Amino acid sequence: DGRVVVKAFLSGMPECMFGFNERSMGTATTGPKQIGPGGGAKDGKKGIALDDCHFHQCVKLNQFEENRTISFVPPDGQFELMGYRITHGVQQPFLVTPLVTPLGRNRLEIKVSIRSAFPHHISASKVTCSIPCPENTATTTVNVTSGKAQFDPTKSCIQWRLRSFAGGHASQSLSVIVETIPGTSLKGANVEDSERGTVAGWKSRPPISLNYKVSMWAASGLEVRFLKVIEKSYKPLRWLRYETLAGDVVVRF
């Protein structure tokens, strides 16, 4: 899910126009429609299909239906100009690769590698990766290439936090040696009798979760092509920011 938020502080009631990049939007029902700079359709390239979209009441809907530009008279202050939902073609900003290796009846190693998939000139912030451990974990030994990681006994997981994460396929990794309490069962796991009380029975484990914030990058591929005030007497100051936030990002392993 995404949204376009506008902060407007304009005198009078000027009409404004907002347009996306040439990979313009269609809908899942009508199909993507490619719009060129002059408003005409361009063939041969696939646009971005919106499964759903809704607009603020100030938007002139007929203008959007004709050429996919958004014409509106903004109210004062901050408001949501447009909300949308895209399910196909969304680029994930990170690739998470986990690996679990049993090292004995009560010992295992968990390795997690995270690689960025956004451009090199962009960086992510507030990256947090939660890696589950067996509920009967006794001790953990954690090593990371960057950031800080520690075991949270109340949630039976490793919390790995990174202040920033570079783009351009940068990679960071975590390795943890987990030792469980000998002779105890793994709660909630699908454990066969021969594996009961061993790390080999840790099969129905919770997923890894990932949270992050990526500024100046949109996972949908939508980009603002123009934002202007129609009246010639206006010379407004314009400021633009892209932001991608994690929703429910989970990785099963």
C-alpha atoms as a PDB file:
ATOM      1  CA  ASP A   1       0.000   0.000   0.000  1.00  0.00           C
ATOM      2  CA  GLY A   2       1.200   3.505  -0.787  1.00  0.00           C
ATOM      3  CA  ARG A   3       0.035   7.064  -0.531  1.00  0.00           C
ATOM      4  CA  VAL A   4       0.837  10.543  -1.796  1.00  0.00           C
ATOM      5  CA  VAL A   5       0.831  13.122   0.997  1.00  0.00           C
ATOM      6  CA  VAL A   6       0.802  16.843   0.201  1.00  0.00           C
ATOM      7  CA  LYS A   7       1.623  19.814   2.413  1.00  0.00           C
ATOM      8  CA  ALA A   8       0.228  22.937   0.779  1.00  0.00           C
ATOM      9  CA  PHE A   9       0.520  26.516   2.004  1.00  0.00           C
ATOM     10  CA  LEU A  10      -0.729  28.573  -0.939  1.00  0.00           C
ATOM     11  CA  SER A  11      -2.697  31.812  -0.879  1.00  0.00           C
ATOM     12  CA  GLY A  12      -5.991  31.860  -2.716  1.00  0.00           C
ATOM     13  CA  MET A  13      -7.324  28.757  -4.457  1.00  0.00           C
ATOM     14  CA  PRO A  14      -4.857  27.980  -7.268  1.00  0.00           C
ATOM     15  CA  GLU A  15      -5.219  24.844  -9.352  1.00  0.00           C
ATOM     16  CA  CYS A  16      -2.311  22.411  -9.123  1.00  0.00           C
ATOM     17  CA  MET A  17      -1.282  19.528 -11.339  1.00  0.00           C
ATOM     18  CA  PHE A  18       0.590  16.396 -10.351  1.00  0.00           C
ATOM     19  CA  GLY A  19       1.965  13.713 -12.658  1.00  0.00           C
ATOM     20  CA  PHE A  20       3.945  10.514 -12.349  1.00  0.00           C
ATOM     21  CA  ASN A  21       6.887   9.331 -14.432  1.00  0.00           C
ATOM     22  CA  GLU A  22       6.437   7.941 -17.947  1.00  0.00           C
ATOM     23  CA  ARG A  23       5.817   4.486 -16.506  1.00  0.00           C
ATOM     24  CA  SER A  24       2.380   5.792 -15.631  1.00  0.00           C
ATOM     25  CA  MET A  25      -0.396   3.926 -13.975  1.00  0.00           C
ATOM     26  CA  GLY A  26      -3.322   1.963 -15.222  1.00  0.00           C
ATOM     27  CA  THR A  27      -5.644  -0.205 -13.196  1.00  0.00           C
ATOM     28  CA  ALA A  28      -5.855  -3.925 -12.774  1.00  0.00           C
ATOM     29  CA  THR A  29      -9.175  -3.874 -14.643  1.00  0.00           C
ATOM     30  CA  THR A  30      -8.387  -1.498 -17.514  1.00  0.00           C
ATOM     31  CA  GLY A  31      -4.729  -2.409 -17.865  1.00  0.00           C
ATOM     32  CA  PRO A  32      -1.715  -0.121 -17.672  1.00  0.00           C
ATOM     33  CA  LYS A  33      -1.773   2.915 -19.913  1.00  0.00           C
ATOM     34  CA  GLN A  34       1.494   4.556 -20.912  1.00  0.00           C
ATOM     35  CA  ILE A  35       1.388   8.344 -20.885  1.00  0.00           C
ATOM     36  CA  GLY A  36       3.979  10.499 -22.587  1.00  0.00           C
ATOM     37  CA  PRO A  37       4.990  14.050 -21.634  1.00  0.00           C
ATOM     38  CA  GLY A  38       2.295  15.489 -23.865  1.00  0.00           C
ATOM     39  CA  GLY A  39      -0.434  13.316 -22.385  1.00  0.00           C
ATOM     40  CA  GLY A  40      -0.670  10.902 -25.300  1.00  0.00           C
ATOM     41  CA  ALA A  41      -0.442   7.157 -24.956  1.00  0.00           C
ATOM     42  CA  LYS A  42       2.835   5.421 -25.735  1.00  0.00           C
ATOM     43  CA  ASP A  43       2.853   1.830 -26.867  1.00  0.00           C
ATOM     44  CA  GLY A  44       5.392  -0.898 -26.404  1.00  0.00           C
ATOM     45  CA  LYS A  45       6.111  -0.397 -22.710  1.00  0.00           C
ATOM     46  CA  LYS A  46       4.259  -1.809 -19.797  1.00  0.00           C
ATOM     47  CA  GLY A  47       3.051   0.591 -17.146  1.00  0.00           C
ATOM     48  CA  ILE A  48       2.355   0.088 -13.471  1.00  0.00           C
ATOM     49  CA  ALA A  49      -1.003  -1.536 -12.741  1.00  0.00           C
ATOM     50  CA  LEU A  50      -2.867  -0.269  -9.691  1.00  0.00           C
ATOM     51  CA  ASP A  51      -5.105  -2.819  -8.027  1.00  0.00           C
ATOM     52  CA  ASP A  52      -6.908  -0.038  -6.215  1.00  0.00           C
ATOM     53  CA  CYS A  53      -6.646   3.726  -5.798  1.00  0.00           C
ATOM     54  CA  HIS A  54      -8.622   6.477  -4.119  1.00  0.00           C
ATOM     55  CA  PHE A  55      -8.334  10.261  -4.132  1.00  0.00           C
ATOM     56  CA  HIS A  56      -8.965  13.252  -1.918  1.00  0.00           C
ATOM     57  CA  GLN A  57     -12.236  15.045  -2.618  1.00  0.00           C
ATOM     58  CA  CYS A  58     -10.331  18.008  -4.109  1.00  0.00           C
ATOM     59  CA  VAL A  59      -9.136  15.917  -7.095  1.00  0.00           C
ATOM     60  CA  LYS A  60     -10.809  16.272 -10.506  1.00  0.00           C
ATOM     61  CA  LEU A  61     -11.362  12.617 -11.328  1.00  0.00           C
ATOM     62  CA  ASN A  62     -12.190  13.116 -15.019  1.00  0.00           C
ATOM     63  CA  GLN A  63      -8.694  14.505 -15.624  1.00  0.00           C
ATOM     64  CA  PHE A  64      -7.099  11.384 -14.166  1.00  0.00           C
ATOM     65  CA  GLU A  65      -9.295   9.119 -16.282  1.00  0.00           C
ATOM     66  CA  GLU A  66      -8.268  10.945 -19.457  1.00  0.00           C
ATOM     67  CA  ASN A  67      -4.479  11.214 -19.133  1.00  0.00           C
ATOM     68  CA  ARG A  68      -3.464   9.937 -15.690  1.00  0.00           C
ATOM     69  CA  THR A  69      -2.553  13.397 -14.406  1.00  0.00           C
ATOM     70  CA  ILE A  70      -3.994  14.585 -11.110  1.00  0.00           C
ATOM     71  CA  SER A  71      -5.540  18.053 -11.136  1.00  0.00           C
ATOM     72  CA  PHE A  72      -6.628  19.501  -7.795  1.00  0.00           C
ATOM     73  CA  VAL A  73      -7.217  22.642  -5.727  1.00  0.00           C
ATOM     74  CA  PRO A  74      -5.423  21.857  -2.467  1.00  0.00           C
ATOM     75  CA  PRO A  75      -6.765  22.697   0.982  1.00  0.00           C
ATOM     76  CA  ASP A  76      -4.373  24.361   3.422  1.00  0.00           C
ATOM     77  CA  GLY A  77      -2.040  22.141   5.403  1.00  0.00           C
ATOM     78  CA  GLN A  78      -1.263  18.448   5.110  1.00  0.00           C
ATOM     79  CA  PHE A  79      -3.621  15.964   3.456  1.00  0.00           C
ATOM     80  CA  GLU A  80      -3.530  12.642   1.615  1.00  0.00           C
ATOM     81  CA  LEU A  81      -3.898  13.394  -2.076  1.00  0.00           C
ATOM     82  CA  MET A  82      -3.988   9.773  -3.209  1.00  0.00           C
ATOM     83  CA  GLY A  83      -3.844   6.270  -1.791  1.00  0.00           C
ATOM     84  CA  TYR A  84      -3.066   3.194  -3.877  1.00  0.00           C
ATOM     85  CA  ARG A  85      -2.351  -0.525  -3.742  1.00  0.00           C
ATOM     86  CA  ILE A  86       0.022  -2.471  -6.014  1.00  0.00           C
ATOM     87  CA  THR A  87       0.562  -6.230  -5.832  1.00  0.00           C
ATOM     88  CA  HIS A  88       2.619  -6.929  -8.969  1.00  0.00           C
ATOM     89  CA  GLY A  89       6.046  -5.631  -9.892  1.00  0.00           C
ATOM     90  CA  VAL A  90       6.901  -4.343  -6.420  1.00  0.00           C
ATOM     91  CA  GLN A  91      10.639  -4.518  -5.780  1.00  0.00           C
ATOM     92  CA  GLN A  92      11.715  -5.741  -2.357  1.00  0.00           C
ATOM     93  CA  PRO A  93      14.534  -3.550  -0.982  1.00  0.00           C
ATOM     94  CA  PHE A  94      16.280  -6.465   0.754  1.00  0.00           C
ATOM     95  CA  LEU A  95      17.066 -10.098   0.029  1.00  0.00           C
ATOM     96  CA  VAL A  96      17.262 -12.182   3.212  1.00  0.00           C
ATOM     97  CA  THR A  97      19.002 -15.578   3.091  1.00  0.00           C
ATOM     98  CA  PRO A  98      18.827 -17.752   6.240  1.00  0.00           C
ATOM     99  CA  LEU A  99      20.585 -21.051   6.961  1.00  0.00           C
ATOM    100  CA  VAL A 100      20.171 -23.342   9.986  1.00  0.00           C
ATOM    101  CA  THR A 101      22.779 -26.032  10.704  1.00  0.00           C
ATOM    102  CA  PRO A 102      22.438 -28.496  13.639  1.00  0.00           C
ATOM    103  CA  LEU A 103      25.777 -28.978  15.427  1.00  0.00           C
ATOM    104  CA  GLY A 104      24.660 -31.663  17.864  1.00  0.00           C
ATOM    105  CA  ARG A 105      21.690 -32.698  19.971  1.00  0.00           C
ATOM    106  CA  ASN A 106      21.531 -29.379  21.825  1.00  0.00           C
ATOM    107  CA  ARG A 107      23.505 -27.007  19.632  1.00  0.00           C
ATOM    108  CA  LEU A 108      22.842 -25.294  16.302  1.00  0.00           C
ATOM    109  CA  GLU A 109      24.099 -22.446  14.144  1.00  0.00           C
ATOM    110  CA  ILE A 110      21.861 -19.847  12.500  1.00  0.00           C
ATOM    111  CA  LYS A 111      23.289 -17.707   9.700  1.00  0.00           C
ATOM    112  CA  VAL A 112      21.392 -14.802   8.164  1.00  0.00           C
ATOM    113  CA  SER A 113      22.615 -12.735   5.223  1.00  0.00           C
ATOM    114  CA  ILE A 114      20.897  -9.484   4.188  1.00  0.00           C
ATOM    115  CA  ARG A 115      21.642  -7.850   0.826  1.00  0.00           C
ATOM    116  CA  SER A 116      20.302  -4.528  -0.413  1.00  0.00           C
ATOM    117  CA  ALA A 117      18.473  -4.341  -3.745  1.00  0.00           C
ATOM    118  CA  PHE A 118      18.098  -0.557  -4.088  1.00  0.00           C
ATOM    119  CA  PRO A 119      20.542   1.821  -5.858  1.00  0.00           C
ATOM    120  CA  HIS A 120      24.000   2.527  -4.445  1.00  0.00           C
ATOM    121  CA  HIS A 121      23.346   6.252  -3.863  1.00  0.00           C
ATOM    122  CA  ILE A 122      20.501   5.429  -1.446  1.00  0.00           C
ATOM    123  CA  SER A 123      20.749   4.048   2.074  1.00  0.00           C
ATOM    124  CA  ALA A 124      18.213   2.494   4.433  1.00  0.00           C
ATOM    125  CA  SER A 125      17.852   3.409   8.096  1.00  0.00           C
ATOM    126  CA  LYS A 126      16.380   1.871  11.237  1.00  0.00           C
ATOM    127  CA  VAL A 127      16.860  -1.666   9.918  1.00  0.00           C
ATOM    128  CA  THR A 128      15.797  -4.300  12.458  1.00  0.00           C
ATOM    129  CA  CYS A 129      15.895  -8.046  11.836  1.00  0.00           C
ATOM    130  CA  SER A 130      14.274 -10.419  14.349  1.00  0.00           C
ATOM    131  CA  ILE A 131      15.613 -13.981  14.142  1.00  0.00           C
ATOM    132  CA  PRO A 132      13.700 -16.616  16.159  1.00  0.00           C
ATOM    133  CA  CYS A 133      15.492 -19.132  18.370  1.00  0.00           C
ATOM    134  CA  PRO A 134      14.173 -22.300  20.054  1.00  0.00           C
ATOM    135  CA  GLU A 135      12.044 -21.547  23.112  1.00  0.00           C
ATOM    136  CA  ASN A 136      14.341 -23.679  25.275  1.00  0.00           C
ATOM    137  CA  THR A 137      17.446 -21.669  24.350  1.00  0.00           C
ATOM    138  CA  ALA A 138      20.011 -21.563  27.162  1.00  0.00           C
ATOM    139  CA  THR A 139      22.859 -19.473  25.686  1.00  0.00           C
ATOM    140  CA  THR A 140      23.710 -17.672  22.449  1.00  0.00           C
ATOM    141  CA  THR A 141      26.972 -16.477  20.911  1.00  0.00           C
ATOM    142  CA  VAL A 142      26.362 -13.819  18.268  1.00  0.00           C
ATOM    143  CA  ASN A 143      28.673 -12.319  15.632  1.00  0.00           C
ATOM    144  CA  VAL A 144      27.661  -9.614  13.147  1.00  0.00           C
ATOM    145  CA  THR A 145      29.489  -7.767  10.375  1.00  0.00           C
ATOM    146  CA  SER A 146      27.699  -4.528  11.252  1.00  0.00           C
ATOM    147  CA  GLY A 147      25.250  -3.174  13.795  1.00  0.00           C
ATOM    148  CA  LYS A 148      24.366  -4.655  17.168  1.00  0.00           C
ATOM    149  CA  ALA A 149      22.611  -7.927  17.979  1.00  0.00           C
ATOM    150  CA  GLN A 150      21.517  -9.538  21.214  1.00  0.00           C
ATOM    151  CA  PHE A 151      19.241 -12.317  22.408  1.00  0.00           C
ATOM    152  CA  ASP A 152      15.845 -11.319  23.815  1.00  0.00           C
ATOM    153  CA  PRO A 153      14.784 -14.115  26.210  1.00  0.00           C
ATOM    154  CA  THR A 154      11.228 -12.749  26.530  1.00  0.00           C
ATOM    155  CA  LYS A 155      10.635 -13.281  22.788  1.00  0.00           C
ATOM    156  CA  SER A 156      13.132 -16.114  22.188  1.00  0.00           C
ATOM    157  CA  CYS A 157      14.749 -14.246  19.322  1.00  0.00           C
ATOM    158  CA  ILE A 158      17.872 -12.365  18.264  1.00  0.00           C
ATOM    159  CA  GLN A 159      17.243  -8.652  17.689  1.00  0.00           C
ATOM    160  CA  TRP A 160      19.701  -7.352  15.082  1.00  0.00           C
ATOM    161  CA  ARG A 161      19.712  -3.584  14.624  1.00  0.00           C
ATOM    162  CA  LEU A 162      21.554  -1.557  11.991  1.00  0.00           C
ATOM    163  CA  ARG A 163      21.472   2.247  11.977  1.00  0.00           C
ATOM    164  CA  SER A 164      22.066   2.406   8.238  1.00  0.00           C
ATOM    165  CA  PHE A 165      22.355  -0.003   5.333  1.00  0.00           C
ATOM    166  CA  ALA A 166      24.049   0.971   2.068  1.00  0.00           C
ATOM    167  CA  GLY A 167      22.497   0.291  -1.333  1.00  0.00           C
ATOM    168  CA  GLY A 168      24.109  -1.170  -4.417  1.00  0.00           C
ATOM    169  CA  HIS A 169      23.902  -4.832  -3.373  1.00  0.00           C
ATOM    170  CA  ALA A 170      25.725  -4.230  -0.083  1.00  0.00           C
ATOM    171  CA  SER A 171      25.634  -7.259   2.200  1.00  0.00           C
ATOM    172  CA  GLN A 172      25.686  -7.766   5.969  1.00  0.00           C
ATOM    173  CA  SER A 173      25.569 -11.038   7.848  1.00  0.00           C
ATOM    174  CA  LEU A 174      24.872 -12.505  11.275  1.00  0.00           C
ATOM    175  CA  SER A 175      25.982 -15.794  12.767  1.00  0.00           C
ATOM    176  CA  VAL A 176      24.719 -17.156  16.080  1.00  0.00           C
ATOM    177  CA  ILE A 177      25.559 -20.356  17.939  1.00  0.00           C
ATOM    178  CA  VAL A 178      22.535 -21.468  19.979  1.00  0.00           C
ATOM    179  CA  GLU A 179      22.736 -23.939  22.840  1.00  0.00           C
ATOM    180  CA  THR A 180      19.480 -25.325  24.207  1.00  0.00           C
ATOM    181  CA  ILE A 181      18.684 -26.734  27.633  1.00  0.00           C
ATOM    182  CA  PRO A 182      19.498 -30.475  27.488  1.00  0.00           C
ATOM    183  CA  GLY A 183      16.554 -32.852  27.757  1.00  0.00           C
ATOM    184  CA  THR A 184      13.850 -30.199  27.268  1.00  0.00           C
ATOM    185  CA  SER A 185      11.201 -30.362  24.549  1.00  0.00           C
ATOM    186  CA  LEU A 186      10.758 -27.822  21.777  1.00  0.00           C
ATOM    187  CA  LYS A 187       7.382 -26.185  22.333  1.00  0.00           C
ATOM    188  CA  GLY A 188       5.183 -25.824  19.288  1.00  0.00           C
ATOM    189  CA  ALA A 189       7.501 -27.893  17.109  1.00  0.00           C
ATOM    190  CA  ASN A 190       6.667 -30.914  15.013  1.00  0.00           C
ATOM    191  CA  VAL A 191       8.971 -33.287  16.892  1.00  0.00           C
ATOM    192  CA  GLU A 192       9.323 -36.987  16.234  1.00  0.00           C
ATOM    193  CA  ASP A 193      10.141 -39.279  19.194  1.00  0.00           C
ATOM    194  CA  SER A 194      13.704 -39.824  17.980  1.00  0.00           C
ATOM    195  CA  GLU A 195      14.266 -36.058  17.830  1.00  0.00           C
ATOM    196  CA  ARG A 196      12.441 -35.022  20.982  1.00  0.00           C
ATOM    197  CA  GLY A 197      14.556 -32.712  23.113  1.00  0.00           C
ATOM    198  CA  THR A 198      17.114 -32.090  20.326  1.00  0.00           C
ATOM    199  CA  VAL A 199      17.678 -29.176  17.957  1.00  0.00           C
ATOM    200  CA  ALA A 200      16.847 -31.490  15.034  1.00  0.00           C
ATOM    201  CA  GLY A 201      13.209 -31.253  16.114  1.00  0.00           C
ATOM    202  CA  TRP A 202      13.074 -27.492  15.590  1.00  0.00           C
ATOM    203  CA  LYS A 203      11.149 -27.628  12.324  1.00  0.00           C
ATOM    204  CA  SER A 204       7.966 -25.561  12.756  1.00  0.00           C
ATOM    205  CA  ARG A 205       9.861 -22.388  13.595  1.00  0.00           C
ATOM    206  CA  PRO A 206       8.490 -18.836  13.383  1.00  0.00           C
ATOM    207  CA  PRO A 207       9.574 -16.675  10.426  1.00  0.00           C
ATOM    208  CA  ILE A 208      12.267 -14.012  10.415  1.00  0.00           C
ATOM    209  CA  SER A 209      10.803 -10.497  10.454  1.00  0.00           C
ATOM    210  CA  LEU A 210      12.362  -7.375   8.950  1.00  0.00           C
ATOM    211  CA  ASN A 211      11.650  -3.685   9.512  1.00  0.00           C
ATOM    212  CA  TYR A 212      13.291  -0.759   7.726  1.00  0.00           C
ATOM    213  CA  LYS A 213      12.971   2.719   6.274  1.00  0.00           C
ATOM    214  CA  VAL A 214      14.316   3.629   2.825  1.00  0.00           C
ATOM    215  CA  SER A 215      14.215   7.318   1.904  1.00  0.00           C
ATOM    216  CA  MET A 216      14.198   8.731  -1.647  1.00  0.00           C
ATOM    217  CA  TRP A 217      13.187   5.390  -3.177  1.00  0.00           C
ATOM    218  CA  ALA A 218       9.796   3.885  -4.026  1.00  0.00           C
ATOM    219  CA  ALA A 219       9.417   0.102  -4.158  1.00  0.00           C
ATOM    220  CA  SER A 220       6.480   0.498  -6.572  1.00  0.00           C
ATOM    221  CA  GLY A 221       8.597   2.222  -9.230  1.00  0.00           C
ATOM    222  CA  LEU A 222       6.297   5.256  -9.233  1.00  0.00           C
ATOM    223  CA  GLU A 223       8.125   8.568  -9.555  1.00  0.00           C
ATOM    224  CA  VAL A 224       6.850  12.134  -9.580  1.00  0.00           C
ATOM    225  CA  ARG A 225       7.437  13.693 -13.003  1.00  0.00           C
ATOM    226  CA  PHE A 226       5.999  17.122 -12.243  1.00  0.00           C
ATOM    227  CA  LEU A 227       4.199  19.121  -9.571  1.00  0.00           C
ATOM    228  CA  LYS A 228       3.164  22.587 -10.610  1.00  0.00           C
ATOM    229  CA  VAL A 229       0.752  25.435  -9.985  1.00  0.00           C
ATOM    230  CA  ILE A 230      -1.222  26.303 -13.115  1.00  0.00           C
ATOM    231  CA  GLU A 231      -1.467  30.067 -12.493  1.00  0.00           C
ATOM    232  CA  LYS A 232       1.516  31.879 -14.041  1.00  0.00           C
ATOM    233  CA  SER A 233       1.774  34.442 -11.236  1.00  0.00           C
ATOM    234  CA  TYR A 234       2.733  31.722  -8.780  1.00  0.00           C
ATOM    235  CA  LYS A 235       6.373  30.854  -8.103  1.00  0.00           C
ATOM    236  CA  PRO A 236       6.054  28.263  -5.342  1.00  0.00           C
ATOM    237  CA  LEU A 237       8.845  26.487  -3.500  1.00  0.00           C
ATOM    238  CA  ARG A 238       8.527  22.749  -4.101  1.00  0.00           C
ATOM    239  CA  TRP A 239       9.995  19.941  -2.026  1.00  0.00           C
ATOM    240  CA  LEU A 240       9.724  16.221  -2.713  1.00  0.00           C
ATOM    241  CA  ARG A 241      10.502  13.159  -0.606  1.00  0.00           C
ATOM    242  CA  TYR A 242      10.090   9.431  -1.296  1.00  0.00           C
ATOM    243  CA  GLU A 243       9.850   6.986   1.579  1.00  0.00           C
ATOM    244  CA  THR A 244       9.489   3.197   1.701  1.00  0.00           C
ATOM    245  CA  LEU A 245       8.494   1.626   5.018  1.00  0.00           C
ATOM    246  CA  ALA A 246       8.292  -2.053   5.877  1.00  0.00           C
ATOM    247  CA  GLY A 247       4.838  -3.520   6.366  1.00  0.00           C
ATOM    248  CA  ASP A 248       4.628  -7.156   7.430  1.00  0.00           C
ATOM    249  CA  VAL A 249       7.884  -8.462   5.948  1.00  0.00           C
ATOM    250  CA  VAL A 250       8.557 -12.057   6.985  1.00  0.00           C
ATOM    251  CA  VAL A 251      10.944 -14.731   5.717  1.00  0.00           C
ATOM    252  CA  ARG A 252      10.201 -18.380   6.430  1.00  0.00           C
ATOM    253  CA  PHE A 253      13.130 -20.736   6.888  1.00  0.00           C
END
